[in-house]
């Protein structure tokens, strides 16, 4: 697994856990750790960018698999 894939996976997991905590307990872990401000905004932006990156990879993966299946 590439380093970028691992980093984006960790960020997505952090984002998912944070949303779960917000939904279940109205507790925002990111703002609890970093406070309200620029750093927490950067974390939220990085989580969003990681999600977009993995979404692009998700939709590009079937094309790669279909080429392999067509070659058989």
Protein backbone atom coordinates (compact mmCIF):
# COMPACT_ATOMS: atom_id res chain seq x y z
CA UNK A 1 0.00 0.00 0.00
CA UNK A 2 1.36 3.42 -0.90
CA UNK A 3 2.09 5.90 1.86
CA UNK A 4 -0.54 8.27 0.45
CA UNK A 5 -3.15 5.50 0.58
CA UNK A 6 -2.28 4.73 4.19
CA UNK A 7 -2.39 8.38 5.24
CA UNK A 8 -5.72 8.97 3.51
CA UNK A 9 -7.15 5.80 5.04
CA UNK A 10 -6.17 6.97 8.53
CA UNK A 11 -7.68 10.40 7.89
CA UNK A 12 -10.93 8.84 6.66
CA UNK A 13 -11.11 6.63 9.75
CA UNK A 14 -10.52 9.67 11.98
CA UNK A 15 -13.28 11.52 10.14
CA UNK A 16 -15.69 8.61 10.41
CA UNK A 17 -15.03 8.17 14.13
CA UNK A 18 -15.47 11.91 14.66
CA UNK A 19 -18.82 11.90 12.83
CA UNK A 20 -19.91 8.88 14.86
CA UNK A 21 -19.07 10.69 18.10
CA UNK A 22 -20.86 13.84 16.91
CA UNK A 23 -23.95 11.87 15.96
CA UNK A 24 -24.09 9.71 19.06
CA UNK A 25 -22.88 12.06 21.78
CA UNK A 26 -22.64 15.57 20.25
CA UNK A 27 -18.90 15.37 20.98
CA UNK A 28 -16.45 16.64 18.37
CA UNK A 29 -13.12 14.93 19.02
CA UNK A 30 -11.18 17.10 16.58
CA UNK A 31 -12.21 20.35 18.24
CA UNK A 32 -11.70 18.77 21.67
CA UNK A 33 -8.09 17.99 20.75
CA UNK A 34 -7.20 21.04 18.63
CA UNK A 35 -9.75 23.61 19.78
CA UNK A 36 -11.79 25.83 17.50
CA UNK A 37 -9.53 27.50 15.00
CA UNK A 38 -7.18 27.08 12.11
CA UNK A 39 -5.68 23.74 13.12
CA UNK A 40 -9.04 21.99 13.45
CA UNK A 41 -10.11 23.52 10.12
CA UNK A 42 -6.96 22.12 8.51
CA UNK A 43 -7.75 18.66 9.93
CA UNK A 44 -11.29 18.85 8.52
CA UNK A 45 -9.93 19.95 5.12
CA UNK A 46 -7.40 17.09 5.11
CA UNK A 47 -10.15 14.59 5.93
CA UNK A 48 -12.21 15.96 3.05
CA UNK A 49 -9.30 15.82 0.61
CA UNK A 50 -8.56 12.25 1.73
CA UNK A 51 -12.18 11.31 1.05
CA UNK A 52 -12.07 12.80 -2.45
CA UNK A 53 -8.76 11.04 -3.15
CA UNK A 54 -10.15 7.66 -2.11
CA UNK A 55 -13.39 8.29 -4.01
CA UNK A 56 -11.41 8.90 -7.20
CA UNK A 57 -9.40 5.73 -6.58
CA UNK A 58 -12.60 3.78 -5.98
CA UNK A 59 -14.10 4.78 -9.30
CA UNK A 60 -10.84 4.31 -11.22
CA UNK A 61 -10.28 0.78 -9.81
CA UNK A 62 -13.15 -0.93 -11.73
CA UNK A 63 -11.68 0.28 -15.03
CA UNK A 64 -8.37 -1.34 -14.16
CA UNK A 65 -10.12 -4.57 -13.21
CA UNK A 66 -12.27 -4.59 -16.34
CA UNK A 67 -9.16 -4.27 -18.52
CA UNK A 68 -7.61 -7.26 -16.77
CA UNK A 69 -10.78 -9.31 -17.23
CA UNK A 70 -11.03 -8.36 -20.92
CA UNK A 71 -7.44 -9.46 -21.50
CA UNK A 72 -8.23 -13.02 -20.42
